[in-house]
Amino acid sequence: MMRLSIGSNDTATEEAVKRVKFILRNLSDGEITISAYDTAWVALIDAGDKTPAFPSAVKWIASNQLSDGSWGDAHLFSYHDRLINTLACVVALTTWTLL
C-alpha cells in the first residue's frame, strides 16, 4: 500500500481539506423530515376496498398541517422540505377525497 505524506504547507491540500469540510458540513442540505413525507406514503396504501389501510396515517396528516397550510418541520424551514412534504400530504388527502 502506498502512503502519501502531506505537508502542512501544501496550499492545494489545504484547499482540498477546506472543500471536503465544507461538503461534509452541508450534507444535510436537501434532506427532508421523515414524518410527514413517509406518513403520506403510508396513508396512500389501499385496504383493498377503496379505503385507507392505515386510517391513522390519514388522521395524522389532517391533524399535523402547519399554520401556513404546509406540512414539514415546524422548527426548521426549508423550501425543499416543505414542498416535498406538502405535495405528498396533498396527494394522500386527495386520494381519499379529504381535500
PDB file of N, CA and C in Angstrom:
ATOM      1  N   MET A   1       0.843  -1.168   0.000  1.00  0.00           N
ATOM      2  CA  MET A   1       0.000   0.000   0.000  1.00  0.00           C
ATOM      3  C   MET A   1       0.890   1.235   0.000  1.00  0.00           C
ATOM      4  N   MET A   2       0.537   2.189  -0.811  1.00  0.00           N
ATOM      5  CA  MET A   2       1.312   3.418  -0.919  1.00  0.00           C
ATOM      6  C   MET A   2       0.798   4.435   0.092  1.00  0.00           C
ATOM      7  N   ARG A   3       1.715   5.064   0.798  1.00  0.00           N
ATOM      8  CA  ARG A   3       1.339   6.103   1.761  1.00  0.00           C
ATOM      9  C   ARG A   3       1.733   7.454   1.203  1.00  0.00           C
ATOM     10  N   LEU A   4       0.837   8.387   1.374  1.00  0.00           N
ATOM     11  CA  LEU A   4       1.126   9.742   0.934  1.00  0.00           C
ATOM     12  C   LEU A   4       1.478  10.592   2.133  1.00  0.00           C
ATOM     13  N   SER A   5       2.509  11.359   1.979  1.00  0.00           N
ATOM     14  CA  SER A   5       2.891  12.287   3.029  1.00  0.00           C
ATOM     15  C   SER A   5       2.479  13.676   2.582  1.00  0.00           C
ATOM     16  N   ILE A   6       1.641  14.283   3.374  1.00  0.00           N
ATOM     17  CA  ILE A   6       1.137  15.600   3.008  1.00  0.00           C
ATOM     18  C   ILE A   6       1.695  16.621   3.976  1.00  0.00           C
ATOM     19  N   GLY A   7       2.398  17.565   3.436  1.00  0.00           N
ATOM     20  CA  GLY A   7       2.969  18.624   4.253  1.00  0.00           C
ATOM     21  C   GLY A   7       1.931  19.666   4.597  1.00  0.00           C
ATOM     22  N   SER A   8       2.064  20.299   5.737  1.00  0.00           N
ATOM     23  CA  SER A   8       1.086  21.286   6.183  1.00  0.00           C
ATOM     24  C   SER A   8       1.150  22.575   5.373  1.00  0.00           C
ATOM     25  N   ASN A   9       2.208  22.777   4.595  1.00  0.00           N
ATOM     26  CA  ASN A   9       2.351  23.996   3.813  1.00  0.00           C
ATOM     27  C   ASN A   9       1.784  23.858   2.406  1.00  0.00           C
ATOM     28  N   ASP A  10       1.303  22.720   2.058  1.00  0.00           N
ATOM     29  CA  ASP A  10       0.781  22.475   0.723  1.00  0.00           C
ATOM     30  C   ASP A  10      -0.579  23.161   0.577  1.00  0.00           C
ATOM     31  N   THR A  11      -0.623  24.271  -0.162  1.00  0.00           N
ATOM     32  CA  THR A  11      -1.868  25.039  -0.276  1.00  0.00           C
ATOM     33  C   THR A  11      -2.963  24.277  -1.020  1.00  0.00           C
ATOM     34  N   ALA A  12      -2.593  23.460  -1.985  1.00  0.00           N
ATOM     35  CA  ALA A  12      -3.602  22.670  -2.702  1.00  0.00           C
ATOM     36  C   ALA A  12      -4.271  21.687  -1.747  1.00  0.00           C
ATOM     37  N   THR A  13      -3.472  21.093  -0.863  1.00  0.00           N
ATOM     38  CA  THR A  13      -4.016  20.156   0.117  1.00  0.00           C
ATOM     39  C   THR A  13      -4.911  20.888   1.103  1.00  0.00           C
ATOM     40  N   GLU A  14      -4.469  22.035   1.547  1.00  0.00           N
ATOM     41  CA  GLU A  14      -5.281  22.821   2.481  1.00  0.00           C
ATOM     42  C   GLU A  14      -6.618  23.209   1.856  1.00  0.00           C
ATOM     43  N   GLU A  15      -6.595  23.589   0.592  1.00  0.00           N
ATOM     44  CA  GLU A  15      -7.836  23.935  -0.100  1.00  0.00           C
ATOM     45  C   GLU A  15      -8.744  22.715  -0.243  1.00  0.00           C
ATOM     46  N   ALA A  16      -8.138  21.568  -0.530  1.00  0.00           N
ATOM     47  CA  ALA A  16      -8.925  20.336  -0.651  1.00  0.00           C
ATOM     48  C   ALA A  16      -9.565  19.972   0.680  1.00  0.00           C
ATOM     49  N   VAL A  17      -8.824  20.112   1.768  1.00  0.00           N
ATOM     50  CA  VAL A  17      -9.354  19.818   3.099  1.00  0.00           C
ATOM     51  C   VAL A  17     -10.503  20.771   3.424  1.00  0.00           C
ATOM     52  N   LYS A  18     -10.333  22.044   3.111  1.00  0.00           N
ATOM     53  CA  LYS A  18     -11.403  23.019   3.348  1.00  0.00           C
ATOM     54  C   LYS A  18     -12.656  22.662   2.551  1.00  0.00           C
ATOM     55  N   ARG A  19     -12.443  22.244   1.315  1.00  0.00           N
ATOM     56  CA  ARG A  19     -13.584  21.893   0.463  1.00  0.00           C
ATOM     57  C   ARG A  19     -14.317  20.656   0.995  1.00  0.00           C
ATOM     58  N   VAL A  20     -13.569  19.648   1.417  1.00  0.00           N
ATOM     59  CA  VAL A  20     -14.177  18.441   1.977  1.00  0.00           C
ATOM     60  C   VAL A  20     -14.946  18.778   3.252  1.00  0.00           C
ATOM     61  N   LYS A  21     -14.358  19.605   4.109  1.00  0.00           N
ATOM     62  CA  LYS A  21     -15.047  20.008   5.338  1.00  0.00           C
ATOM     63  C   LYS A  21     -16.347  20.742   5.013  1.00  0.00           C
ATOM     64  N   PHE A  22     -16.300  21.611   4.017  1.00  0.00           N
ATOM     65  CA  PHE A  22     -17.496  22.341   3.602  1.00  0.00           C
ATOM     66  C   PHE A  22     -18.573  21.371   3.118  1.00  0.00           C
ATOM     67  N   ILE A  23     -18.189  20.430   2.293  1.00  0.00           N
ATOM     68  CA  ILE A  23     -19.142  19.450   1.768  1.00  0.00           C
ATOM     69  C   ILE A  23     -19.753  18.633   2.901  1.00  0.00           C
ATOM     70  N   LEU A  24     -18.920  18.177   3.825  1.00  0.00           N
ATOM     71  CA  LEU A  24     -19.416  17.367   4.941  1.00  0.00           C
ATOM     72  C   LEU A  24     -20.357  18.153   5.845  1.00  0.00           C
ATOM     73  N   ARG A  25     -20.054  19.429   6.056  1.00  0.00           N
ATOM     74  CA  ARG A  25     -20.923  20.266   6.888  1.00  0.00           C
ATOM     75  C   ARG A  25     -22.287  20.475   6.240  1.00  0.00           C
ATOM     76  N   ASN A  26     -22.336  20.445   4.922  1.00  0.00           N
ATOM     77  CA  ASN A  26     -23.574  20.740   4.207  1.00  0.00           C
ATOM     78  C   ASN A  26     -24.285  19.509   3.662  1.00  0.00           C
ATOM     79  N   LEU A  27     -23.897  18.340   4.109  1.00  0.00           N
ATOM     80  CA  LEU A  27     -24.537  17.122   3.623  1.00  0.00           C
ATOM     81  C   LEU A  27     -26.016  17.060   3.957  1.00  0.00           C
ATOM     82  N   SER A  28     -26.423  17.670   5.040  1.00  0.00           N
ATOM     83  CA  SER A  28     -27.832  17.602   5.416  1.00  0.00           C
ATOM     84  C   SER A  28     -28.705  18.506   4.557  1.00  0.00           C
ATOM     85  N   ASP A  29     -28.113  19.414   3.792  1.00  0.00           N
ATOM     86  CA  ASP A  29     -28.906  20.265   2.912  1.00  0.00           C
ATOM     87  C   ASP A  29     -29.656  19.392   1.921  1.00  0.00           C
ATOM     88  N   GLY A  30     -30.920  19.656   1.752  1.00  0.00           N
ATOM     89  CA  GLY A  30     -31.711  18.891   0.808  1.00  0.00           C
ATOM     90  C   GLY A  30     -32.420  17.707   1.429  1.00  0.00           C
ATOM     91  N   GLU A  31     -32.115  17.398   2.676  1.00  0.00           N
ATOM     92  CA  GLU A  31     -32.828  16.314   3.342  1.00  0.00           C
ATOM     93  C   GLU A  31     -34.222  16.786   3.702  1.00  0.00           C
ATOM     94  N   ILE A  32     -35.107  15.869   3.852  1.00  0.00           N
ATOM     95  CA  ILE A  32     -36.454  16.215   4.279  1.00  0.00           C
ATOM     96  C   ILE A  32     -36.759  15.504   5.582  1.00  0.00           C
ATOM     97  N   THR A  33     -37.678  16.057   6.328  1.00  0.00           N
ATOM     98  CA  THR A  33     -38.077  15.395   7.557  1.00  0.00           C
ATOM     99  C   THR A  33     -38.856  14.140   7.206  1.00  0.00           C
ATOM    100  N   ILE A  34     -38.755  13.160   8.037  1.00  0.00           N
ATOM    101  CA  ILE A  34     -39.320  11.855   7.730  1.00  0.00           C
ATOM    102  C   ILE A  34     -40.825  11.813   7.950  1.00  0.00           C
ATOM    103  N   SER A  35     -41.302  12.358   9.010  1.00  0.00           N
ATOM    104  CA  SER A  35     -42.681  12.134   9.446  1.00  0.00           C
ATOM    105  C   SER A  35     -43.753  12.399   8.396  1.00  0.00           C
ATOM    106  N   ALA A  36     -43.889  13.600   7.922  1.00  0.00           N
ATOM    107  CA  ALA A  36     -44.992  13.929   7.015  1.00  0.00           C
ATOM    108  C   ALA A  36     -44.863  13.195   5.686  1.00  0.00           C
ATOM    109  N   TYR A  37     -43.690  13.160   5.125  1.00  0.00           N
ATOM    110  CA  TYR A  37     -43.478  12.519   3.823  1.00  0.00           C
ATOM    111  C   TYR A  37     -43.763  11.024   3.894  1.00  0.00           C
ATOM    112  N   ASP A  38     -43.147  10.345   4.836  1.00  0.00           N
ATOM    113  CA  ASP A  38     -43.347   8.900   4.962  1.00  0.00           C
ATOM    114  C   ASP A  38     -44.773   8.555   5.371  1.00  0.00           C
ATOM    115  N   THR A  39     -45.345   9.358   6.243  1.00  0.00           N
ATOM    116  CA  THR A  39     -46.723   9.120   6.661  1.00  0.00           C
ATOM    117  C   THR A  39     -47.669   9.250   5.473  1.00  0.00           C
ATOM    118  N   ALA A  40     -47.393  10.201   4.595  1.00  0.00           N
ATOM    119  CA  ALA A  40     -48.230  10.371   3.405  1.00  0.00           C
ATOM    120  C   ALA A  40     -48.173   9.136   2.511  1.00  0.00           C
ATOM    121  N   TRP A  41     -46.993   8.568   2.354  1.00  0.00           N
ATOM    122  CA  TRP A  41     -46.878   7.353   1.536  1.00  0.00           C
ATOM    123  C   TRP A  41     -47.618   6.186   2.181  1.00  0.00           C
ATOM    124  N   VAL A  42     -47.532   6.069   3.481  1.00  0.00           N
ATOM    125  CA  VAL A  42     -48.264   5.005   4.184  1.00  0.00           C
ATOM    126  C   VAL A  42     -49.767   5.237   4.042  1.00  0.00           C
ATOM    127  N   ALA A  43     -50.183   6.492   4.111  1.00  0.00           N
ATOM    128  CA  ALA A  43     -51.605   6.823   4.004  1.00  0.00           C
ATOM    129  C   ALA A  43     -52.179   6.471   2.634  1.00  0.00           C
ATOM    130  N   LEU A  44     -51.341   6.349   1.631  1.00  0.00           N
ATOM    131  CA  LEU A  44     -51.804   6.020   0.277  1.00  0.00           C
ATOM    132  C   LEU A  44     -52.143   4.542   0.087  1.00  0.00           C
ATOM    133  N   ILE A  45     -51.761   3.696   1.023  1.00  0.00           N
ATOM    134  CA  ILE A  45     -51.986   2.258   0.862  1.00  0.00           C
ATOM    135  C   ILE A  45     -53.475   1.945   0.987  1.00  0.00           C
ATOM    136  N   ASP A  46     -53.985   1.286  -0.033  1.00  0.00           N
ATOM    137  CA  ASP A  46     -55.406   0.916  -0.096  1.00  0.00           C
ATOM    138  C   ASP A  46     -55.632  -0.397   0.653  1.00  0.00           C
ATOM    139  N   ALA A  47     -56.687  -0.444   1.441  1.00  0.00           N
ATOM    140  CA  ALA A  47     -57.019  -1.654   2.198  1.00  0.00           C
ATOM    141  C   ALA A  47     -57.624  -2.735   1.307  1.00  0.00           C
ATOM    142  N   GLY A  48     -57.876  -2.401   0.058  1.00  0.00           N
ATOM    143  CA  GLY A  48     -58.462  -3.362  -0.862  1.00  0.00           C
ATOM    144  C   GLY A  48     -59.928  -3.095  -1.138  1.00  0.00           C
ATOM    145  N   ASP A  49     -60.489  -2.181  -0.378  1.00  0.00           N
ATOM    146  CA  ASP A  49     -61.904  -1.845  -0.563  1.00  0.00           C
ATOM    147  C   ASP A  49     -62.091  -0.347  -0.789  1.00  0.00           C
ATOM    148  N   LYS A  50     -61.076   0.253  -1.387  1.00  0.00           N
ATOM    149  CA  LYS A  50     -61.069   1.692  -1.697  1.00  0.00           C
ATOM    150  C   LYS A  50     -61.147   2.567  -0.454  1.00  0.00           C
ATOM    151  N   THR A  51     -60.561   2.079   0.633  1.00  0.00           N
ATOM    152  CA  THR A  51     -60.408   2.855   1.863  1.00  0.00           C
ATOM    153  C   THR A  51     -58.951   2.728   2.297  1.00  0.00           C
ATOM    154  N   PRO A  52     -58.474   3.679   3.101  1.00  0.00           N
ATOM    155  CA  PRO A  52     -57.076   3.596   3.529  1.00  0.00           C
ATOM    156  C   PRO A  52     -56.823   2.402   4.446  1.00  0.00           C
ATOM    157  N   ALA A  53     -55.722   1.708   4.192  1.00  0.00           N
ATOM    158  CA  ALA A  53     -55.333   0.578   5.049  1.00  0.00           C
ATOM    159  C   ALA A  53     -54.887   1.071   6.420  1.00  0.00           C
ATOM    160  N   PHE A  54     -54.396   2.302   6.459  1.00  0.00           N
ATOM    161  CA  PHE A  54     -53.916   2.882   7.715  1.00  0.00           C
ATOM    162  C   PHE A  54     -54.609   4.226   7.941  1.00  0.00           C
ATOM    163  N   PRO A  55     -55.860   4.219   8.388  1.00  0.00           N
ATOM    164  CA  PRO A  55     -56.584   5.476   8.587  1.00  0.00           C
ATOM    165  C   PRO A  55     -55.913   6.398   9.599  1.00  0.00           C
ATOM    166  N   SER A  56     -55.154   5.833  10.517  1.00  0.00           N
ATOM    167  CA  SER A  56     -54.452   6.685  11.490  1.00  0.00           C
ATOM    168  C   SER A  56     -53.403   7.554  10.798  1.00  0.00           C
ATOM    169  N   ALA A  57     -52.843   7.089   9.699  1.00  0.00           N
ATOM    170  CA  ALA A  57     -51.880   7.905   8.946  1.00  0.00           C
ATOM    171  C   ALA A  57     -52.590   9.091   8.305  1.00  0.00           C
ATOM    172  N   VAL A  58     -53.772   8.855   7.777  1.00  0.00           N
ATOM    173  CA  VAL A  58     -54.559   9.942   7.180  1.00  0.00           C
ATOM    174  C   VAL A  58     -54.953  10.946   8.263  1.00  0.00           C
ATOM    175  N   LYS A  59     -55.356  10.462   9.418  1.00  0.00           N
ATOM    176  CA  LYS A  59     -55.713  11.346  10.536  1.00  0.00           C
ATOM    177  C   LYS A  59     -54.509  12.162  10.994  1.00  0.00           C
ATOM    178  N   TRP A  60     -53.326  11.519  11.021  1.00  0.00           N
ATOM    179  CA  TRP A  60     -52.114  12.234  11.425  1.00  0.00           C
ATOM    180  C   TRP A  60     -51.853  13.392  10.473  1.00  0.00           C
ATOM    181  N   ILE A  61     -51.990  13.139   9.179  1.00  0.00           N
ATOM    182  CA  ILE A  61     -51.772  14.199   8.188  1.00  0.00           C
ATOM    183  C   ILE A  61     -52.761  15.337   8.416  1.00  0.00           C
ATOM    184  N   ALA A  62     -54.022  14.989   8.595  1.00  0.00           N
ATOM    185  CA  ALA A  62     -55.061  16.007   8.781  1.00  0.00           C
ATOM    186  C   ALA A  62     -54.832  16.842  10.037  1.00  0.00           C
ATOM    187  N   SER A  63     -54.262  16.257  11.058  1.00  0.00           N
ATOM    188  CA  SER A  63     -54.084  16.992  12.316  1.00  0.00           C
ATOM    189  C   SER A  63     -52.699  17.615  12.475  1.00  0.00           C
ATOM    190  N   ASN A  64     -51.806  17.432  11.511  1.00  0.00           N
ATOM    191  CA  ASN A  64     -50.452  17.977  11.643  1.00  0.00           C
ATOM    192  C   ASN A  64     -50.083  18.983  10.563  1.00  0.00           C
ATOM    193  N   GLN A  65     -51.081  19.586   9.955  1.00  0.00           N
ATOM    194  CA  GLN A  65     -50.820  20.645   8.985  1.00  0.00           C
ATOM    195  C   GLN A  65     -50.335  21.877   9.751  1.00  0.00           C
ATOM    196  N   LEU A  66     -49.333  22.526   9.227  1.00  0.00           N
ATOM    197  CA  LEU A  66     -48.782  23.717   9.884  1.00  0.00           C
ATOM    198  C   LEU A  66     -49.693  24.920   9.655  1.00  0.00           C
ATOM    199  N   SER A  67     -49.504  25.960  10.443  1.00  0.00           N
ATOM    200  CA  SER A  67     -50.379  27.136  10.381  1.00  0.00           C
ATOM    201  C   SER A  67     -50.345  27.834   9.024  1.00  0.00           C
ATOM    202  N   ASP A  68     -49.252  27.671   8.266  1.00  0.00           N
ATOM    203  CA  ASP A  68     -49.177  28.294   6.941  1.00  0.00           C
ATOM    204  C   ASP A  68     -49.793  27.414   5.849  1.00  0.00           C
ATOM    205  N   GLY A  69     -50.370  26.268   6.249  1.00  0.00           N
ATOM    206  CA  GLY A  69     -51.023  25.383   5.299  1.00  0.00           C
ATOM    207  C   GLY A  69     -50.137  24.280   4.751  1.00  0.00           C
ATOM    208  N   SER A  70     -48.883  24.272   5.140  1.00  0.00           N
ATOM    209  CA  SER A  70     -47.946  23.270   4.627  1.00  0.00           C
ATOM    210  C   SER A  70     -47.738  22.155   5.642  1.00  0.00           C
ATOM    211  N   TRP A  71     -46.949  21.171   5.258  1.00  0.00           N
ATOM    212  CA  TRP A  71     -46.504  20.111   6.152  1.00  0.00           C
ATOM    213  C   TRP A  71     -44.993  20.094   6.107  1.00  0.00           C
ATOM    214  N   GLY A  72     -44.382  19.680   7.205  1.00  0.00           N
ATOM    215  CA  GLY A  72     -42.924  19.603   7.272  1.00  0.00           C
ATOM    216  C   GLY A  72     -42.446  19.934   8.667  1.00  0.00           C
ATOM    217  N   ASP A  73     -41.176  20.206   8.770  1.00  0.00           N
ATOM    218  CA  ASP A  73     -40.558  20.510  10.052  1.00  0.00           C
ATOM    219  C   ASP A  73     -40.987  21.900  10.513  1.00  0.00           C
ATOM    220  N   ALA A  74     -41.639  21.976  11.644  1.00  0.00           N
ATOM    221  CA  ALA A  74     -42.126  23.255  12.169  1.00  0.00           C
ATOM    222  C   ALA A  74     -41.004  24.120  12.727  1.00  0.00           C
ATOM    223  N   HIS A  75     -39.868  23.514  13.052  1.00  0.00           N
ATOM    224  CA  HIS A  75     -38.789  24.247  13.708  1.00  0.00           C
ATOM    225  C   HIS A  75     -37.675  24.678  12.761  1.00  0.00           C
ATOM    226  N   LEU A  76     -37.571  24.042  11.625  1.00  0.00           N
ATOM    227  CA  LEU A  76     -36.507  24.352  10.669  1.00  0.00           C
ATOM    228  C   LEU A  76     -37.140  24.519   9.303  1.00  0.00           C
ATOM    229  N   PHE A  77     -37.139  25.744   8.784  1.00  0.00           N
ATOM    230  CA  PHE A  77     -37.785  25.993   7.497  1.00  0.00           C
ATOM    231  C   PHE A  77     -36.829  25.711   6.352  1.00  0.00           C
ATOM    232  N   SER A  78     -37.295  24.908   5.429  1.00  0.00           N
ATOM    233  CA  SER A  78     -36.569  24.619   4.196  1.00  0.00           C
ATOM    234  C   SER A  78     -37.613  24.509   3.095  1.00  0.00           C
ATOM    235  N   TYR A  79     -37.429  25.291   2.012  1.00  0.00           N
ATOM    236  CA  TYR A  79     -38.395  25.234   0.913  1.00  0.00           C
ATOM    237  C   TYR A  79     -38.544  23.815   0.380  1.00  0.00           C
ATOM    238  N   HIS A  80     -37.422  23.139   0.199  1.00  0.00           N
ATOM    239  CA  HIS A  80     -37.440  21.772  -0.339  1.00  0.00           C
ATOM    240  C   HIS A  80     -38.234  20.852   0.579  1.00  0.00           C
ATOM    241  N   ASP A  81     -37.953  20.913   1.852  1.00  0.00           N
ATOM    242  CA  ASP A  81     -38.641  20.082   2.837  1.00  0.00           C
ATOM    243  C   ASP A  81     -40.141  20.341   2.818  1.00  0.00           C
ATOM    244  N   ARG A  82     -40.513  21.592   2.893  1.00  0.00           N
ATOM    245  CA  ARG A  82     -41.934  21.942   2.941  1.00  0.00           C
ATOM    246  C   ARG A  82     -42.649  21.549   1.652  1.00  0.00           C
ATOM    247  N   LEU A  83     -42.021  21.795   0.523  1.00  0.00           N
ATOM    248  CA  LEU A  83     -42.658  21.488  -0.755  1.00  0.00           C
ATOM    249  C   LEU A  83     -42.883  19.990  -0.924  1.00  0.00           C
ATOM    250  N   ILE A  84     -41.852  19.191  -0.694  1.00  0.00           N
ATOM    251  CA  ILE A  84     -41.960  17.742  -0.862  1.00  0.00           C
ATOM    252  C   ILE A  84     -42.968  17.151   0.128  1.00  0.00           C
ATOM    253  N   ASN A  85     -42.885  17.566   1.380  1.00  0.00           N
ATOM    254  CA  ASN A  85     -43.826  17.063   2.385  1.00  0.00           C
ATOM    255  C   ASN A  85     -45.258  17.472   2.063  1.00  0.00           C
ATOM    256  N   THR A  86     -45.445  18.721   1.674  1.00  0.00           N
ATOM    257  CA  THR A  86     -46.788  19.217   1.383  1.00  0.00           C
ATOM    258  C   THR A  86     -47.382  18.513   0.169  1.00  0.00           C
ATOM    259  N   LEU A  87     -46.592  18.349  -0.874  1.00  0.00           N
ATOM    260  CA  LEU A  87     -47.099  17.642  -2.054  1.00  0.00           C
ATOM    261  C   LEU A  87     -47.515  16.214  -1.711  1.00  0.00           C
ATOM    262  N   ALA A  88     -46.699  15.521  -0.945  1.00  0.00           N
ATOM    263  CA  ALA A  88     -47.023  14.140  -0.564  1.00  0.00           C
ATOM    264  C   ALA A  88     -48.307  14.087   0.263  1.00  0.00           C
ATOM    265  N   CYS A  89     -48.459  15.010   1.189  1.00  0.00           N
ATOM    266  CA  CYS A  89     -49.663  15.025   2.034  1.00  0.00           C
ATOM    267  C   CYS A  89     -50.910  15.386   1.234  1.00  0.00           C
ATOM    268  N   VAL A  90     -50.789  16.336   0.317  1.00  0.00           N
ATOM    269  CA  VAL A  90     -51.930  16.710  -0.524  1.00  0.00           C
ATOM    270  C   VAL A  90     -52.351  15.528  -1.399  1.00  0.00           C
ATOM    271  N   VAL A  91     -51.380  14.817  -1.957  1.00  0.00           N
ATOM    272  CA  VAL A  91     -51.702  13.631  -2.765  1.00  0.00           C
ATOM    273  C   VAL A  91     -52.449  12.600  -1.918  1.00  0.00           C
ATOM    274  N   ALA A  92     -51.965  12.363  -0.712  1.00  0.00           N
ATOM    275  CA  ALA A  92     -52.626  11.382   0.165  1.00  0.00           C
ATOM    276  C   ALA A  92     -54.049  11.810   0.505  1.00  0.00           C
ATOM    277  N   LEU A  93     -54.227  13.069   0.853  1.00  0.00           N
ATOM    278  CA  LEU A  93     -55.568  13.540   1.222  1.00  0.00           C
ATOM    279  C   LEU A  93     -56.523  13.552   0.032  1.00  0.00           C
ATOM    280  N   THR A  94     -56.028  13.930  -1.139  1.00  0.00           N
ATOM    281  CA  THR A  94     -56.908  13.942  -2.315  1.00  0.00           C
ATOM    282  C   THR A  94     -57.218  12.527  -2.796  1.00  0.00           C
ATOM    283  N   THR A  95     -56.327  11.592  -2.555  1.00  0.00           N
ATOM    284  CA  THR A  95     -56.598  10.198  -2.915  1.00  0.00           C
ATOM    285  C   THR A  95     -57.842   9.691  -2.202  1.00  0.00           C
ATOM    286  N   TRP A  96     -57.994  10.106  -0.958  1.00  0.00           N
ATOM    287  CA  TRP A  96     -59.159   9.664  -0.171  1.00  0.00           C
ATOM    288  C   TRP A  96     -60.234  10.742  -0.137  1.00  0.00           C
ATOM    289  N   THR A  97     -60.184  11.667  -1.097  1.00  0.00           N
ATOM    290  CA  THR A  97     -61.146  12.777  -1.243  1.00  0.00           C
ATOM    291  C   THR A  97     -61.398  13.524   0.062  1.00  0.00           C
ATOM    292  N   LEU A  98     -60.322  13.796   0.768  1.00  0.00           N
ATOM    293  CA  LEU A  98     -60.420  14.550   2.018  1.00  0.00           C
ATOM    294  C   LEU A  98     -59.950  15.990   1.841  1.00  0.00           C
ATOM    295  N   LEU A  99     -59.598  16.348   0.632  1.00  0.00           N
ATOM    296  CA  LEU A  99     -59.112  17.700   0.377  1.00  0.00           C
ATOM    297  C   LEU A  99     -59.738  18.208  -0.898  1.00  0.00           C
TER     298      LEU A  99
END
